[in-house]
Amino acid sequence: MNQTKTRMLTEGAIMVALAFILSFLKIVNFPWGGSITILSMLPIVVFSLRYGAKYGFAVSFVYSVLQLVQGIVVDGIFAWGLTPMTLIAVIFLDYLLPFTLLGAAGFFNNGKFTTVIAGTVVSVMFRFVCHYLSGVFIWKTVGELLGISTTSPYLYSLLYNGAYMIPEMIFTAIGAVILFKTPQMRKLLGLSEN
């Protein structure tokens, strides 16, 4: 194995470990589910931007598997009383697909700072859309949330997932802006001043 590939694999492992540790550090943990973490998605986004979508998707898939393990061990998804088909849908739409899609940030590094930020926001938005669709089509929950009473699973899922995903997206974008403004990161990613 050449030195470049070894370095990439090492960086990928470090970023997955860092993202996983950060996912346990929560600023807010909502009583109904979901939480705002301390930049847990940023390491995966940074790796994807550095090495591109192909390797970004590989690393983010590993991260998605760890998130699934966390869901099994910490959240106890097998104890939620789901049917086998619903459980499979939850595994894919709430864990594997949304966290793997963070690798999509790798499509956006064309050497421009604005594109890097767009890639960060879009990749986190993909995760949000997966959770939103899960809420609408799998969970189909209605009721009161955030002081708003609704009979629509579309609105409920928007409120539920938006409550934690929108702040996560904003914090991740701010973290990316701060990180990518450093000369060392700009050089590492080959960013221009645009």
N, C-alpha and C. Protein backbone atom coordinates (compact mmCIF):
# COMPACT_ATOMS: atom_id res chain seq x y z
N MET A 1 0.86 -1.17 0.00
CA MET A 1 0.00 0.00 0.00
C MET A 1 0.91 1.23 0.00
N ASN A 2 0.60 2.18 -0.88
CA ASN A 2 1.46 3.36 -0.95
C ASN A 2 1.17 4.33 0.20
N GLN A 3 2.09 5.28 0.36
CA GLN A 3 2.02 6.20 1.50
C GLN A 3 0.78 7.08 1.45
N THR A 4 0.37 7.50 0.26
CA THR A 4 -0.81 8.36 0.12
C THR A 4 -2.08 7.63 0.57
N LYS A 5 -2.21 6.38 0.16
CA LYS A 5 -3.40 5.61 0.54
C LYS A 5 -3.40 5.32 2.04
N THR A 6 -2.24 5.02 2.59
CA THR A 6 -2.13 4.80 4.02
C THR A 6 -2.53 6.04 4.79
N ARG A 7 -2.06 7.20 4.31
CA ARG A 7 -2.41 8.46 4.97
C ARG A 7 -3.91 8.71 4.90
N MET A 8 -4.50 8.46 3.73
CA MET A 8 -5.94 8.68 3.57
C MET A 8 -6.73 7.76 4.50
N LEU A 9 -6.36 6.50 4.57
CA LEU A 9 -7.06 5.55 5.45
C LEU A 9 -6.91 5.97 6.91
N THR A 10 -5.73 6.42 7.28
CA THR A 10 -5.50 6.87 8.66
C THR A 10 -6.35 8.10 8.96
N GLU A 11 -6.35 9.07 8.05
CA GLU A 11 -7.18 10.26 8.24
C GLU A 11 -8.66 9.90 8.32
N GLY A 12 -9.09 8.97 7.47
CA GLY A 12 -10.49 8.54 7.49
C GLY A 12 -10.87 7.93 8.83
N ALA A 13 -9.99 7.07 9.35
CA ALA A 13 -10.25 6.44 10.64
C ALA A 13 -10.30 7.47 11.77
N ILE A 14 -9.38 8.44 11.72
CA ILE A 14 -9.36 9.49 12.74
C ILE A 14 -10.64 10.33 12.66
N MET A 15 -11.05 10.69 11.45
CA MET A 15 -12.25 11.52 11.29
C MET A 15 -13.51 10.78 11.74
N VAL A 16 -13.60 9.50 11.44
CA VAL A 16 -14.76 8.71 11.89
C VAL A 16 -14.77 8.66 13.42
N ALA A 17 -13.62 8.39 14.02
CA ALA A 17 -13.54 8.33 15.48
C ALA A 17 -13.89 9.67 16.10
N LEU A 18 -13.38 10.75 15.54
CA LEU A 18 -13.67 12.08 16.06
C LEU A 18 -15.16 12.41 15.94
N ALA A 19 -15.73 12.13 14.77
CA ALA A 19 -17.16 12.38 14.56
C ALA A 19 -18.01 11.57 15.54
N PHE A 20 -17.62 10.32 15.76
CA PHE A 20 -18.38 9.45 16.66
C PHE A 20 -18.30 9.95 18.10
N ILE A 21 -17.13 10.37 18.53
CA ILE A 21 -16.98 10.92 19.89
C ILE A 21 -17.79 12.21 20.03
N LEU A 22 -17.71 13.08 19.02
CA LEU A 22 -18.46 14.34 19.07
C LEU A 22 -19.97 14.10 19.08
N SER A 23 -20.42 12.98 18.51
CA SER A 23 -21.86 12.70 18.50
C SER A 23 -22.41 12.43 19.89
N PHE A 24 -21.53 12.13 20.84
CA PHE A 24 -21.96 11.93 22.23
C PHE A 24 -21.96 13.22 23.03
N LEU A 25 -21.31 14.26 22.49
CA LEU A 25 -21.24 15.55 23.17
C LEU A 25 -22.39 16.42 22.69
N LYS A 26 -23.43 16.48 23.49
CA LYS A 26 -24.67 17.13 23.06
C LYS A 26 -24.87 18.47 23.75
N ILE A 27 -25.19 19.46 22.94
CA ILE A 27 -25.53 20.78 23.47
C ILE A 27 -26.96 20.73 24.00
N VAL A 28 -27.84 20.10 23.21
CA VAL A 28 -29.25 19.94 23.58
C VAL A 28 -29.66 18.52 23.24
N ASN A 29 -30.35 17.88 24.15
CA ASN A 29 -30.90 16.55 23.92
C ASN A 29 -32.41 16.65 24.13
N PHE A 30 -33.16 16.68 23.03
CA PHE A 30 -34.61 16.89 23.11
C PHE A 30 -35.32 15.70 23.75
N PRO A 31 -36.33 15.95 24.57
CA PRO A 31 -37.04 14.85 25.23
C PRO A 31 -37.80 13.95 24.25
N TRP A 32 -38.18 14.48 23.11
CA TRP A 32 -38.93 13.69 22.12
C TRP A 32 -38.02 12.96 21.15
N GLY A 33 -36.72 13.22 21.23
CA GLY A 33 -35.76 12.58 20.32
C GLY A 33 -34.98 13.62 19.54
N GLY A 34 -33.83 13.25 19.09
CA GLY A 34 -32.97 14.18 18.38
C GLY A 34 -32.14 14.99 19.34
N SER A 35 -30.98 15.43 18.87
CA SER A 35 -30.10 16.24 19.70
C SER A 35 -29.22 17.11 18.83
N ILE A 36 -28.74 18.17 19.43
CA ILE A 36 -27.79 19.06 18.77
C ILE A 36 -26.43 18.75 19.37
N THR A 37 -25.51 18.33 18.53
CA THR A 37 -24.19 17.92 19.00
C THR A 37 -23.15 19.02 18.75
N ILE A 38 -21.96 18.76 19.23
CA ILE A 38 -20.86 19.70 19.03
C ILE A 38 -20.12 19.31 17.75
N LEU A 39 -20.63 19.77 16.62
CA LEU A 39 -19.99 19.62 15.32
C LEU A 39 -19.66 18.17 14.93
N SER A 40 -20.56 17.25 15.26
CA SER A 40 -20.26 15.84 15.01
C SER A 40 -20.15 15.48 13.53
N MET A 41 -20.77 16.24 12.66
CA MET A 41 -20.70 15.92 11.23
C MET A 41 -19.50 16.56 10.54
N LEU A 42 -18.91 17.56 11.14
CA LEU A 42 -17.83 18.31 10.51
C LEU A 42 -16.63 17.44 10.12
N PRO A 43 -16.15 16.52 10.95
CA PRO A 43 -15.00 15.70 10.52
C PRO A 43 -15.28 14.89 9.26
N ILE A 44 -16.49 14.37 9.12
CA ILE A 44 -16.84 13.59 7.93
C ILE A 44 -16.89 14.50 6.71
N VAL A 45 -17.47 15.68 6.87
CA VAL A 45 -17.55 16.65 5.78
C VAL A 45 -16.14 17.08 5.35
N VAL A 46 -15.27 17.35 6.31
CA VAL A 46 -13.91 17.76 6.00
C VAL A 46 -13.19 16.66 5.22
N PHE A 47 -13.30 15.43 5.67
CA PHE A 47 -12.65 14.32 4.95
C PHE A 47 -13.19 14.22 3.53
N SER A 48 -14.50 14.33 3.37
CA SER A 48 -15.12 14.23 2.05
C SER A 48 -14.64 15.35 1.13
N LEU A 49 -14.53 16.54 1.67
CA LEU A 49 -14.04 17.67 0.87
C LEU A 49 -12.57 17.46 0.47
N ARG A 50 -11.82 16.88 1.36
CA ARG A 50 -10.38 16.68 1.10
C ARG A 50 -10.12 15.59 0.06
N TYR A 51 -10.89 14.49 0.15
CA TYR A 51 -10.58 13.34 -0.70
C TYR A 51 -11.63 13.05 -1.78
N GLY A 52 -12.70 13.81 -1.80
CA GLY A 52 -13.71 13.61 -2.84
C GLY A 52 -14.83 12.68 -2.39
N ALA A 53 -15.84 12.62 -3.24
CA ALA A 53 -17.07 11.89 -2.90
C ALA A 53 -16.84 10.38 -2.77
N LYS A 54 -16.04 9.81 -3.63
CA LYS A 54 -15.83 8.35 -3.60
C LYS A 54 -15.35 7.90 -2.22
N TYR A 55 -14.30 8.51 -1.74
CA TYR A 55 -13.77 8.15 -0.42
C TYR A 55 -14.61 8.75 0.71
N GLY A 56 -15.22 9.89 0.43
CA GLY A 56 -16.12 10.50 1.41
C GLY A 56 -17.30 9.60 1.72
N PHE A 57 -17.88 8.99 0.68
CA PHE A 57 -19.00 8.08 0.90
C PHE A 57 -18.54 6.83 1.67
N ALA A 58 -17.35 6.35 1.39
CA ALA A 58 -16.84 5.17 2.10
C ALA A 58 -16.69 5.47 3.59
N VAL A 59 -16.07 6.60 3.91
CA VAL A 59 -15.86 6.96 5.31
C VAL A 59 -17.19 7.28 5.99
N SER A 60 -18.06 7.99 5.30
CA SER A 60 -19.35 8.32 5.91
C SER A 60 -20.22 7.07 6.09
N PHE A 61 -20.05 6.05 5.23
CA PHE A 61 -20.78 4.79 5.45
C PHE A 61 -20.30 4.12 6.74
N VAL A 62 -18.99 4.11 6.97
CA VAL A 62 -18.47 3.55 8.22
C VAL A 62 -19.06 4.30 9.41
N TYR A 63 -19.12 5.63 9.28
CA TYR A 63 -19.72 6.45 10.34
C TYR A 63 -21.20 6.09 10.52
N SER A 64 -21.91 5.84 9.43
CA SER A 64 -23.33 5.49 9.53
C SER A 64 -23.52 4.17 10.27
N VAL A 65 -22.62 3.23 10.05
CA VAL A 65 -22.70 1.95 10.76
C VAL A 65 -22.49 2.16 12.25
N LEU A 66 -21.54 3.01 12.61
CA LEU A 66 -21.32 3.32 14.03
C LEU A 66 -22.54 4.03 14.63
N GLN A 67 -23.18 4.91 13.86
CA GLN A 67 -24.40 5.56 14.34
C GLN A 67 -25.51 4.53 14.55
N LEU A 68 -25.58 3.54 13.67
CA LEU A 68 -26.56 2.46 13.84
C LEU A 68 -26.26 1.66 15.11
N VAL A 69 -24.99 1.34 15.34
CA VAL A 69 -24.61 0.63 16.57
C VAL A 69 -25.00 1.46 17.78
N GLN A 70 -24.75 2.77 17.72
CA GLN A 70 -25.14 3.65 18.81
C GLN A 70 -26.66 3.63 18.99
N GLY A 71 -27.40 3.60 17.90
CA GLY A 71 -28.86 3.52 17.97
C GLY A 71 -29.33 2.23 18.60
N ILE A 72 -28.62 1.15 18.34
CA ILE A 72 -28.99 -0.15 18.90
C ILE A 72 -28.64 -0.20 20.39
N VAL A 73 -27.42 0.20 20.72
CA VAL A 73 -26.94 0.07 22.10
C VAL A 73 -27.51 1.15 23.01
N VAL A 74 -27.42 2.42 22.59
CA VAL A 74 -27.82 3.53 23.45
C VAL A 74 -29.33 3.78 23.37
N ASP A 75 -29.84 3.87 22.15
CA ASP A 75 -31.26 4.20 21.97
C ASP A 75 -32.18 2.98 22.03
N GLY A 76 -31.65 1.80 21.83
CA GLY A 76 -32.43 0.57 21.92
C GLY A 76 -33.48 0.42 20.82
N ILE A 77 -33.09 0.63 19.56
CA ILE A 77 -34.09 0.60 18.49
C ILE A 77 -34.78 -0.76 18.35
N PHE A 78 -34.12 -1.82 18.78
CA PHE A 78 -34.77 -3.13 18.70
C PHE A 78 -35.88 -3.29 19.73
N ALA A 79 -35.89 -2.43 20.73
CA ALA A 79 -36.92 -2.49 21.78
C ALA A 79 -38.09 -1.55 21.49
N TRP A 80 -38.11 -0.92 20.33
CA TRP A 80 -39.16 0.04 20.00
C TRP A 80 -40.46 -0.62 19.53
N GLY A 81 -40.47 -1.94 19.41
CA GLY A 81 -41.69 -2.65 19.01
C GLY A 81 -42.02 -2.50 17.53
N LEU A 82 -41.02 -2.34 16.69
CA LEU A 82 -41.24 -2.18 15.26
C LEU A 82 -41.39 -3.53 14.58
N THR A 83 -42.18 -3.57 13.52
CA THR A 83 -42.27 -4.78 12.71
C THR A 83 -40.94 -4.96 11.99
N PRO A 84 -40.63 -6.18 11.53
CA PRO A 84 -39.35 -6.38 10.84
C PRO A 84 -39.16 -5.44 9.64
N MET A 85 -40.20 -5.23 8.84
CA MET A 85 -40.08 -4.35 7.68
C MET A 85 -39.87 -2.89 8.10
N THR A 86 -40.58 -2.47 9.13
CA THR A 86 -40.41 -1.11 9.62
C THR A 86 -39.02 -0.92 10.20
N LEU A 87 -38.53 -1.92 10.91
CA LEU A 87 -37.19 -1.85 11.48
C LEU A 87 -36.14 -1.71 10.37
N ILE A 88 -36.29 -2.47 9.31
CA ILE A 88 -35.36 -2.37 8.18
C ILE A 88 -35.43 -0.97 7.56
N ALA A 89 -36.65 -0.45 7.40
CA ALA A 89 -36.81 0.90 6.85
C ALA A 89 -36.15 1.94 7.75
N VAL A 90 -36.31 1.79 9.06
CA VAL A 90 -35.69 2.72 10.02
C VAL A 90 -34.17 2.63 9.93
N ILE A 91 -33.65 1.42 9.85
CA ILE A 91 -32.20 1.24 9.76
C ILE A 91 -31.65 1.98 8.54
N PHE A 92 -32.34 1.85 7.41
CA PHE A 92 -31.84 2.51 6.20
C PHE A 92 -32.12 4.00 6.17
N LEU A 93 -33.34 4.41 6.52
CA LEU A 93 -33.72 5.82 6.35
C LEU A 93 -33.34 6.71 7.54
N ASP A 94 -33.14 6.14 8.71
CA ASP A 94 -32.75 6.95 9.86
C ASP A 94 -31.26 6.83 10.21
N TYR A 95 -30.59 5.81 9.69
CA TYR A 95 -29.19 5.61 10.04
C TYR A 95 -28.27 5.51 8.82
N LEU A 96 -28.37 4.45 8.05
CA LEU A 96 -27.39 4.20 7.01
C LEU A 96 -27.39 5.26 5.91
N LEU A 97 -28.53 5.57 5.34
CA LEU A 97 -28.59 6.53 4.24
C LEU A 97 -28.26 7.96 4.67
N PRO A 98 -28.89 8.49 5.72
CA PRO A 98 -28.60 9.91 6.03
C PRO A 98 -27.15 10.19 6.41
N PHE A 99 -26.54 9.30 7.18
CA PHE A 99 -25.16 9.55 7.59
C PHE A 99 -24.18 9.27 6.45
N THR A 100 -24.51 8.33 5.57
CA THR A 100 -23.67 8.08 4.41
C THR A 100 -23.70 9.26 3.44
N LEU A 101 -24.85 9.92 3.33
CA LEU A 101 -24.96 11.05 2.41
C LEU A 101 -24.12 12.26 2.80
N LEU A 102 -23.57 12.25 4.00
CA LEU A 102 -22.63 13.33 4.37
C LEU A 102 -21.42 13.33 3.44
N GLY A 103 -21.13 12.20 2.85
CA GLY A 103 -20.02 12.11 1.89
C GLY A 103 -20.25 12.90 0.63
N ALA A 104 -21.48 13.33 0.37
CA ALA A 104 -21.79 14.12 -0.82
C ALA A 104 -21.05 15.45 -0.83
N ALA A 105 -20.56 15.89 0.31
CA ALA A 105 -19.76 17.12 0.36
C ALA A 105 -18.56 17.02 -0.57
N GLY A 106 -18.08 15.80 -0.79
CA GLY A 106 -16.93 15.59 -1.66
C GLY A 106 -17.15 15.99 -3.11
N PHE A 107 -18.39 16.12 -3.53
CA PHE A 107 -18.67 16.58 -4.89
C PHE A 107 -18.42 18.07 -5.06
N PHE A 108 -18.26 18.79 -3.97
CA PHE A 108 -18.28 20.24 -4.01
C PHE A 108 -16.92 20.92 -3.94
N ASN A 109 -15.85 20.22 -3.72
CA ASN A 109 -14.57 20.92 -3.60
C ASN A 109 -13.96 21.14 -4.98
N ASN A 110 -14.21 22.32 -5.52
CA ASN A 110 -13.59 22.69 -6.79
C ASN A 110 -12.56 23.79 -6.59
N GLY A 111 -12.10 23.95 -5.37
CA GLY A 111 -11.08 24.94 -5.08
C GLY A 111 -11.62 26.29 -4.67
N LYS A 112 -12.93 26.44 -4.59
CA LYS A 112 -13.52 27.71 -4.20
C LYS A 112 -14.15 27.60 -2.82
N PHE A 113 -13.89 28.60 -2.00
CA PHE A 113 -14.39 28.60 -0.63
C PHE A 113 -15.91 28.51 -0.58
N THR A 114 -16.60 29.26 -1.42
CA THR A 114 -18.07 29.26 -1.40
C THR A 114 -18.64 27.89 -1.73
N THR A 115 -17.97 27.17 -2.59
CA THR A 115 -18.43 25.83 -2.96
C THR A 115 -18.26 24.85 -1.81
N VAL A 116 -17.19 25.02 -1.05
CA VAL A 116 -16.96 24.18 0.12
C VAL A 116 -18.09 24.37 1.14
N ILE A 117 -18.47 25.62 1.36
CA ILE A 117 -19.56 25.90 2.30
C ILE A 117 -20.87 25.33 1.76
N ALA A 118 -21.10 25.48 0.46
CA ALA A 118 -22.31 24.92 -0.15
C ALA A 118 -22.33 23.40 0.01
N GLY A 119 -21.19 22.75 -0.17
CA GLY A 119 -21.12 21.30 0.00
C GLY A 119 -21.43 20.88 1.42
N THR A 120 -20.97 21.67 2.37
CA THR A 120 -21.26 21.38 3.77
C THR A 120 -22.75 21.46 4.03
N VAL A 121 -23.37 22.54 3.58
CA VAL A 121 -24.81 22.73 3.80
C VAL A 121 -25.63 21.67 3.06
N VAL A 122 -25.29 21.40 1.82
CA VAL A 122 -26.06 20.43 1.02
C VAL A 122 -25.96 19.03 1.61
N SER A 123 -24.77 18.62 2.03
CA SER A 123 -24.63 17.27 2.57
C SER A 123 -25.43 17.10 3.87
N VAL A 124 -25.44 18.13 4.71
CA VAL A 124 -26.24 18.07 5.94
C VAL A 124 -27.73 18.13 5.59
N MET A 125 -28.08 18.88 4.57
CA MET A 125 -29.47 18.95 4.12
C MET A 125 -29.95 17.57 3.63
N PHE A 126 -29.08 16.83 2.96
CA PHE A 126 -29.45 15.46 2.53
C PHE A 126 -29.80 14.60 3.75
N ARG A 127 -29.01 14.75 4.80
CA ARG A 127 -29.32 14.00 6.03
C ARG A 127 -30.68 14.41 6.58
N PHE A 128 -30.94 15.71 6.62
CA PHE A 128 -32.22 16.22 7.10
C PHE A 128 -33.38 15.64 6.28
N VAL A 129 -33.25 15.62 4.97
CA VAL A 129 -34.32 15.12 4.10
C VAL A 129 -34.62 13.65 4.40
N CYS A 130 -33.59 12.86 4.63
CA CYS A 130 -33.81 11.44 4.97
C CYS A 130 -34.60 11.31 6.26
N HIS A 131 -34.20 12.05 7.29
CA HIS A 131 -34.92 11.99 8.56
C HIS A 131 -36.36 12.50 8.41
N TYR A 132 -36.52 13.55 7.61
CA TYR A 132 -37.86 14.10 7.37
C TYR A 132 -38.75 13.06 6.70
N LEU A 133 -38.24 12.41 5.66
CA LEU A 133 -39.02 11.38 4.95
C LEU A 133 -39.35 10.20 5.85
N SER A 134 -38.42 9.84 6.71
CA SER A 134 -38.68 8.78 7.68
C SER A 134 -39.83 9.17 8.60
N GLY A 135 -39.82 10.41 9.05
CA GLY A 135 -40.90 10.89 9.92
C GLY A 135 -42.24 10.88 9.24
N VAL A 136 -42.25 11.23 7.96
CA VAL A 136 -43.51 11.29 7.22
C VAL A 136 -44.03 9.91 6.86
N PHE A 137 -43.17 9.05 6.33
CA PHE A 137 -43.63 7.78 5.76
C PHE A 137 -43.48 6.57 6.68
N ILE A 138 -42.58 6.62 7.64
CA ILE A 138 -42.43 5.48 8.55
C ILE A 138 -43.13 5.77 9.88
N TRP A 139 -42.75 6.87 10.52
CA TRP A 139 -43.28 7.16 11.86
C TRP A 139 -44.69 7.73 11.81
N LYS A 140 -45.00 8.58 10.84
CA LYS A 140 -46.34 9.15 10.65
C LYS A 140 -46.93 9.74 11.93
N THR A 141 -46.08 10.36 12.72
CA THR A 141 -46.51 10.90 14.00
C THR A 141 -47.21 12.24 13.82
N VAL A 142 -48.23 12.47 14.65
CA VAL A 142 -48.92 13.76 14.71
C VAL A 142 -49.10 14.12 16.17
N GLY A 143 -49.48 15.35 16.43
CA GLY A 143 -49.70 15.77 17.81
C GLY A 143 -49.10 17.13 18.05
N GLU A 144 -48.75 17.39 19.30
CA GLU A 144 -48.19 18.69 19.66
C GLU A 144 -46.68 18.58 19.82
N LEU A 145 -46.00 19.54 19.23
CA LEU A 145 -44.55 19.61 19.33
C LEU A 145 -44.14 21.06 19.24
N LEU A 146 -43.27 21.48 20.12
CA LEU A 146 -42.81 22.87 20.15
C LEU A 146 -43.96 23.86 20.28
N GLY A 147 -45.00 23.44 21.00
CA GLY A 147 -46.15 24.30 21.22
C GLY A 147 -47.09 24.40 20.03
N ILE A 148 -46.85 23.60 19.01
CA ILE A 148 -47.69 23.61 17.81
C ILE A 148 -48.41 22.27 17.72
N SER A 149 -49.73 22.33 17.63
CA SER A 149 -50.53 21.11 17.50
C SER A 149 -50.80 20.87 16.02
N THR A 150 -50.56 19.66 15.58
CA THR A 150 -50.74 19.35 14.16
C THR A 150 -51.33 17.96 13.96
N THR A 151 -52.11 17.84 12.92
CA THR A 151 -52.64 16.53 12.51
C THR A 151 -51.94 16.06 11.24
N SER A 152 -50.91 16.76 10.84
CA SER A 152 -50.17 16.45 9.62
C SER A 152 -48.81 15.85 9.94
N PRO A 153 -48.54 14.63 9.47
CA PRO A 153 -47.20 14.07 9.69
C PRO A 153 -46.12 14.87 8.95
N TYR A 154 -46.51 15.57 7.89
CA TYR A 154 -45.55 16.40 7.15
C TYR A 154 -45.04 17.55 8.02
N LEU A 155 -45.97 18.24 8.68
CA LEU A 155 -45.59 19.35 9.55
C LEU A 155 -44.90 18.83 10.81
N TYR A 156 -45.42 17.76 11.38
CA TYR A 156 -44.83 17.21 12.60
C TYR A 156 -43.37 16.80 12.34
N SER A 157 -43.13 16.10 11.23
CA SER A 157 -41.78 15.67 10.90
C SER A 157 -40.86 16.86 10.64
N LEU A 158 -41.40 17.89 10.01
CA LEU A 158 -40.62 19.11 9.78
C LEU A 158 -40.22 19.75 11.11
N LEU A 159 -41.15 19.85 12.04
CA LEU A 159 -40.87 20.43 13.36
C LEU A 159 -39.89 19.56 14.14
N TYR A 160 -40.17 18.26 14.18
CA TYR A 160 -39.35 17.32 14.94
C TYR A 160 -37.90 17.33 14.45
N ASN A 161 -37.74 17.12 13.14
CA ASN A 161 -36.39 17.02 12.59
C ASN A 161 -35.72 18.38 12.41
N GLY A 162 -36.53 19.38 12.12
CA GLY A 162 -35.98 20.72 11.98
C GLY A 162 -35.45 21.27 13.29
N ALA A 163 -36.04 20.86 14.41
CA ALA A 163 -35.63 21.37 15.72
C ALA A 163 -34.17 21.07 16.02
N TYR A 164 -33.67 19.94 15.53
CA TYR A 164 -32.26 19.63 15.79
C TYR A 164 -31.39 19.70 14.53
N MET A 165 -31.96 19.40 13.36
CA MET A 165 -31.15 19.38 12.14
C MET A 165 -30.81 20.78 11.63
N ILE A 166 -31.70 21.73 11.77
CA ILE A 166 -31.39 23.08 11.30
C ILE A 166 -30.26 23.69 12.15
N PRO A 167 -30.33 23.61 13.49
CA PRO A 167 -29.16 24.09 14.26
C PRO A 167 -27.89 23.30 13.94
N GLU A 168 -28.00 21.99 13.75
CA GLU A 168 -26.82 21.19 13.39
C GLU A 168 -26.22 21.70 12.08
N MET A 169 -27.08 22.00 11.10
CA MET A 169 -26.61 22.49 9.81
C MET A 169 -25.92 23.85 9.98
N ILE A 170 -26.52 24.72 10.74
CA ILE A 170 -25.94 26.06 10.96
C ILE A 170 -24.61 25.94 11.68
N PHE A 171 -24.55 25.14 12.75
CA PHE A 171 -23.29 24.99 13.50
C PHE A 171 -22.20 24.34 12.64
N THR A 172 -22.58 23.35 11.85
CA THR A 172 -21.59 22.69 10.98
C THR A 172 -21.06 23.67 9.94
N ALA A 173 -21.95 24.49 9.37
CA ALA A 173 -21.52 25.49 8.38
C ALA A 173 -20.61 26.53 9.03
N ILE A 174 -20.97 26.99 10.23
CA ILE A 174 -20.12 27.95 10.94
C ILE A 174 -18.76 27.32 11.26
N GLY A 175 -18.79 26.07 11.72
CA GLY A 175 -17.53 25.37 11.99
C GLY A 175 -16.68 25.24 10.74
N ALA A 176 -17.33 24.96 9.60
CA ALA A 176 -16.60 24.85 8.34
C ALA A 176 -16.01 26.20 7.94
N VAL A 177 -16.78 27.27 8.10
CA VAL A 177 -16.29 28.61 7.76
C VAL A 177 -15.05 28.93 8.59
N ILE A 178 -15.14 28.71 9.89
CA ILE A 178 -14.00 29.01 10.77
C ILE A 178 -12.80 28.14 10.40
N LEU A 179 -13.04 26.86 10.21
CA LEU A 179 -11.97 25.93 9.89
C LEU A 179 -11.34 26.24 8.54
N PHE A 180 -12.18 26.50 7.54
CA PHE A 180 -11.66 26.72 6.19
C PHE A 180 -11.08 28.11 5.98
N LYS A 181 -11.23 28.98 6.96
CA LYS A 181 -10.59 30.29 6.88
C LYS A 181 -9.12 30.21 7.33
N THR A 182 -8.74 29.13 7.99
CA THR A 182 -7.34 29.00 8.42
C THR A 182 -6.46 28.71 7.20
N PRO A 183 -5.30 29.34 7.13
CA PRO A 183 -4.42 29.14 5.97
C PRO A 183 -4.01 27.67 5.77
N GLN A 184 -3.82 26.94 6.86
CA GLN A 184 -3.41 25.54 6.75
C GLN A 184 -4.48 24.70 6.06
N MET A 185 -5.75 24.91 6.44
CA MET A 185 -6.84 24.14 5.83
C MET A 185 -7.04 24.56 4.38
N ARG A 186 -6.91 25.84 4.10
CA ARG A 186 -7.07 26.32 2.72
C ARG A 186 -6.01 25.67 1.83
N LYS A 187 -4.79 25.57 2.34
CA LYS A 187 -3.72 24.95 1.56
C LYS A 187 -3.99 23.46 1.37
N LEU A 188 -4.43 22.81 2.45
CA LEU A 188 -4.69 21.38 2.40
C LEU A 188 -5.76 21.05 1.37
N LEU A 189 -6.80 21.89 1.28
CA LEU A 189 -7.91 21.66 0.34
C LEU A 189 -7.72 22.36 -1.00
N GLY A 190 -6.65 23.12 -1.15
CA GLY A 190 -6.41 23.81 -2.41
C GLY A 190 -7.45 24.87 -2.71
N LEU A 191 -7.86 25.61 -1.71
CA LEU A 191 -8.92 26.61 -1.88
C LEU A 191 -8.35 27.93 -2.40
N SER A 192 -9.14 28.54 -3.28
CA SER A 192 -8.81 29.88 -3.75
C SER A 192 -9.49 30.89 -2.83
N GLU A 193 -9.32 32.16 -3.10
CA GLU A 193 -9.88 33.21 -2.26
C GLU A 193 -11.35 33.48 -2.57
N ASN A 194 -11.94 32.86 -3.57
CA ASN A 194 -13.34 33.12 -3.95
C ASN A 194 -14.30 32.55 -2.96
